Amino acid sequence: QVEEELKAAWSQQAGQLREMGRRERLLRSDVQRAGEQLESFKTQVMQVCSPSAAGSTGKSVTEQQVIEKIRQLSDENQQSHEREKSLQKELSSRLAKEKEVSADIEVLKNSLQKLQ
């Protein structure tokens, strides 16, 4: 009876080990697939950000390269917004001056008409 119990326990342990092995293979496969997807995503990001930098060298793109490129684009975007604000201010100032000059011209016209 002890021998039968040992065989049953051994069989159960062997089944558990097989199941653990199967799960480990699935996890390894999932990790590999996730890594491939990450590489693909990084390459796609770099192709969008800088088409000449990605894909042409044949090297894989590092996370740091992607982060740096995104930072660079963010900085450029911020500078662009600041430049746009500056140009809007300048435009508003010029329009205000133009209105002022137009008003002065009207006053001059009216004065000239009165003098005639």
C-alpha atoms as a PDB file:
ATOM      1  CA  GLN A   1       0.000   0.000   0.000  1.00  0.00           C
ATOM      2  CA  VAL A   2       2.883   2.381   0.814  1.00  0.00           C
ATOM      3  CA  GLU A   3       4.364   1.587  -2.581  1.00  0.00           C
ATOM      4  CA  GLU A   4       1.062   2.455  -4.273  1.00  0.00           C
ATOM      5  CA  GLU A   5       0.880   5.730  -2.341  1.00  0.00           C
ATOM      6  CA  LEU A   6       4.467   6.573  -3.351  1.00  0.00           C
ATOM      7  CA  LYS A   7       3.684   5.786  -6.993  1.00  0.00           C
ATOM      8  CA  ALA A   8       0.581   7.984  -6.836  1.00  0.00           C
ATOM      9  CA  ALA A   9       2.530  10.814  -5.193  1.00  0.00           C
ATOM     10  CA  TRP A  10       5.319  10.397  -7.752  1.00  0.00           C
ATOM     11  CA  SER A  11       2.822  10.443 -10.589  1.00  0.00           C
ATOM     12  CA  GLN A  12       1.165  13.533  -9.174  1.00  0.00           C
ATOM     13  CA  GLN A  13       4.560  15.288  -8.774  1.00  0.00           C
ATOM     14  CA  ALA A  14       5.544  14.328 -12.318  1.00  0.00           C
ATOM     15  CA  GLY A  15       2.266  15.750 -13.622  1.00  0.00           C
ATOM     16  CA  GLN A  16       2.821  18.980 -11.715  1.00  0.00           C
ATOM     17  CA  LEU A  17       6.361  19.246 -13.057  1.00  0.00           C
ATOM     18  CA  ARG A  18       5.124  18.718 -16.628  1.00  0.00           C
ATOM     19  CA  GLU A  19       2.482  21.414 -16.092  1.00  0.00           C
ATOM     20  CA  MET A  20       5.089  23.802 -14.659  1.00  0.00           C
ATOM     21  CA  GLY A  21       7.323  23.111 -17.655  1.00  0.00           C
ATOM     22  CA  ARG A  22       4.454  23.803 -20.039  1.00  0.00           C
ATOM     23  CA  ARG A  23       3.657  27.070 -18.247  1.00  0.00           C
ATOM     24  CA  GLU A  24       7.324  28.085 -18.316  1.00  0.00           C
ATOM     25  CA  ARG A  25       7.496  27.488 -22.086  1.00  0.00           C
ATOM     26  CA  LEU A  26       4.347  29.562 -22.569  1.00  0.00           C
ATOM     27  CA  LEU A  27       5.743  32.369 -20.434  1.00  0.00           C
ATOM     28  CA  ARG A  28       9.050  32.323 -22.314  1.00  0.00           C
ATOM     29  CA  SER A  29       7.140  32.484 -25.574  1.00  0.00           C
ATOM     30  CA  ASP A  30       5.060  35.407 -24.285  1.00  0.00           C
ATOM     31  CA  VAL A  31       8.177  37.248 -23.103  1.00  0.00           C
ATOM     32  CA  GLN A  32       9.869  36.710 -26.458  1.00  0.00           C
ATOM     33  CA  ARG A  33       6.777  37.915 -28.330  1.00  0.00           C
ATOM     34  CA  ALA A  34       6.548  40.994 -26.061  1.00  0.00           C
ATOM     35  CA  GLY A  35      10.225  41.758 -26.727  1.00  0.00           C
ATOM     36  CA  GLU A  36       9.677  41.509 -30.476  1.00  0.00           C
ATOM     37  CA  GLN A  37       6.640  43.797 -30.210  1.00  0.00           C
ATOM     38  CA  LEU A  38       8.684  46.314 -28.203  1.00  0.00           C
ATOM     39  CA  GLU A  39      11.437  46.327 -30.823  1.00  0.00           C
ATOM     40  CA  SER A  40       8.856  46.783 -33.552  1.00  0.00           C
ATOM     41  CA  PHE A  41       7.207  49.636 -31.635  1.00  0.00           C
ATOM     42  CA  LYS A  42      10.541  51.376 -31.016  1.00  0.00           C
ATOM     43  CA  THR A  43      11.418  51.110 -34.689  1.00  0.00           C
ATOM     44  CA  GLN A  44       7.999  52.471 -35.687  1.00  0.00           C
ATOM     45  CA  VAL A  45       8.380  55.405 -33.269  1.00  0.00           C
ATOM     46  CA  MET A  46      11.805  56.205 -34.663  1.00  0.00           C
ATOM     47  CA  GLN A  47      10.544  55.914 -38.239  1.00  0.00           C
ATOM     48  CA  VAL A  48       7.798  58.406 -37.449  1.00  0.00           C
ATOM     49  CA  CYS A  49      10.119  60.719 -35.518  1.00  0.00           C
ATOM     50  CA  SER A  50      13.115  60.485 -37.793  1.00  0.00           C
ATOM     51  CA  PRO A  51      12.702  58.340 -40.916  1.00  0.00           C
ATOM     52  CA  SER A  52      16.369  58.637 -41.864  1.00  0.00           C
ATOM     53  CA  ALA A  53      17.561  57.429 -38.427  1.00  0.00           C
ATOM     54  CA  ALA A  54      15.495  54.258 -38.158  1.00  0.00           C
ATOM     55  CA  GLY A  55      15.666  51.221 -40.315  1.00  0.00           C
ATOM     56  CA  SER A  56      18.413  52.488 -42.566  1.00  0.00           C
ATOM     57  CA  THR A  57      21.249  51.266 -40.367  1.00  0.00           C
ATOM     58  CA  GLY A  58      19.801  47.835 -39.717  1.00  0.00           C
ATOM     59  CA  LYS A  59      20.566  48.200 -36.001  1.00  0.00           C
ATOM     60  CA  SER A  60      17.899  47.847 -33.353  1.00  0.00           C
ATOM     61  CA  VAL A  61      16.745  51.056 -31.735  1.00  0.00           C
ATOM     62  CA  THR A  62      17.381  51.475 -28.010  1.00  0.00           C
ATOM     63  CA  GLU A  63      14.876  52.806 -25.508  1.00  0.00           C
ATOM     64  CA  GLN A  64      17.270  55.692 -24.836  1.00  0.00           C
ATOM     65  CA  GLN A  65      17.282  56.668 -28.512  1.00  0.00           C
ATOM     66  CA  VAL A  66      13.493  56.695 -28.566  1.00  0.00           C
ATOM     67  CA  ILE A  67      13.336  58.731 -25.349  1.00  0.00           C
ATOM     68  CA  GLU A  68      15.907  61.223 -26.641  1.00  0.00           C
ATOM     69  CA  LYS A  69      14.078  61.622 -29.951  1.00  0.00           C
ATOM     70  CA  ILE A  70      10.763  62.182 -28.186  1.00  0.00           C
ATOM     71  CA  ARG A  71      12.436  64.733 -25.876  1.00  0.00           C
ATOM     72  CA  GLN A  72      13.941  66.471 -28.880  1.00  0.00           C
ATOM     73  CA  LEU A  73      10.563  66.619 -30.630  1.00  0.00           C
ATOM     74  CA  SER A  74       8.925  67.870 -27.439  1.00  0.00           C
ATOM     75  CA  ASP A  75      11.530  70.631 -27.102  1.00  0.00           C
ATOM     76  CA  GLU A  76      11.089  71.599 -30.742  1.00  0.00           C
ATOM     77  CA  ASN A  77       7.335  71.663 -30.251  1.00  0.00           C
ATOM     78  CA  GLN A  78       7.694  73.911 -27.174  1.00  0.00           C
ATOM     79  CA  GLN A  79      10.000  76.275 -29.073  1.00  0.00           C
ATOM     80  CA  SER A  80       7.542  76.370 -31.934  1.00  0.00           C
ATOM     81  CA  HIS A  81       4.700  77.295 -29.575  1.00  0.00           C
ATOM     82  CA  GLU A  82       6.808  80.032 -27.989  1.00  0.00           C
ATOM     83  CA  ARG A  83       7.713  81.389 -31.437  1.00  0.00           C
ATOM     84  CA  GLU A  84       4.033  81.311 -32.419  1.00  0.00           C
ATOM     85  CA  LYS A  85       3.088  83.281 -29.286  1.00  0.00           C
ATOM     86  CA  SER A  86       5.829  85.800 -30.014  1.00  0.00           C
ATOM     87  CA  LEU A  87       4.640  86.225 -33.601  1.00  0.00           C
ATOM     88  CA  GLN A  88       1.031  86.591 -32.425  1.00  0.00           C
ATOM     89  CA  LYS A  89       2.111  89.369 -30.023  1.00  0.00           C
ATOM     90  CA  GLU A  90       4.068  91.084 -32.775  1.00  0.00           C
ATOM     91  CA  LEU A  91       1.121  90.812 -35.156  1.00  0.00           C
ATOM     92  CA  SER A  92      -1.280  92.210 -32.556  1.00  0.00           C
ATOM     93  CA  SER A  93       1.106  95.091 -31.902  1.00  0.00           C
ATOM     94  CA  ARG A  94       1.417  95.871 -35.610  1.00  0.00           C
ATOM     95  CA  LEU A  95      -2.354  95.713 -36.083  1.00  0.00           C
ATOM     96  CA  ALA A  96      -2.840  98.118 -33.183  1.00  0.00           C
ATOM     97  CA  LYS A  97      -0.280 100.505 -34.713  1.00  0.00           C
ATOM     98  CA  GLU A  98      -1.980 100.183 -38.100  1.00  0.00           C
ATOM     99  CA  LYS A  99      -5.337 101.096 -36.528  1.00  0.00           C
ATOM    100  CA  GLU A 100      -3.725 104.057 -34.838  1.00  0.00           C
ATOM    101  CA  VAL A 101      -2.148 105.223 -38.105  1.00  0.00           C
ATOM    102  CA  SER A 102      -5.473 104.736 -39.927  1.00  0.00           C
ATOM    103  CA  ALA A 103      -7.240 106.849 -37.306  1.00  0.00           C
ATOM    104  CA  ASP A 104      -4.560 109.547 -37.648  1.00  0.00           C
ATOM    105  CA  ILE A 105      -4.981 109.492 -41.445  1.00  0.00           C
ATOM    106  CA  GLU A 106      -8.751 109.953 -41.050  1.00  0.00           C
ATOM    107  CA  VAL A 107      -8.168 112.937 -38.782  1.00  0.00           C
ATOM    108  CA  LEU A 108      -5.748 114.395 -41.337  1.00  0.00           C
ATOM    109  CA  LYS A 109      -8.242 113.815 -44.180  1.00  0.00           C
ATOM    110  CA  ASN A 110     -10.997 115.529 -42.239  1.00  0.00           C
ATOM    111  CA  SER A 111      -8.713 118.424 -41.395  1.00  0.00           C
ATOM    112  CA  LEU A 112      -7.704 118.789 -45.038  1.00  0.00           C
ATOM    113  CA  GLN A 113     -11.336 118.745 -46.171  1.00  0.00           C
ATOM    114  CA  LYS A 114     -12.200 121.444 -43.666  1.00  0.00           C
ATOM    115  CA  LEU A 115      -9.304 123.568 -44.845  1.00  0.00           C
ATOM    116  CA  GLN A 116     -10.447 123.328 -48.443  1.00  0.00           C
END
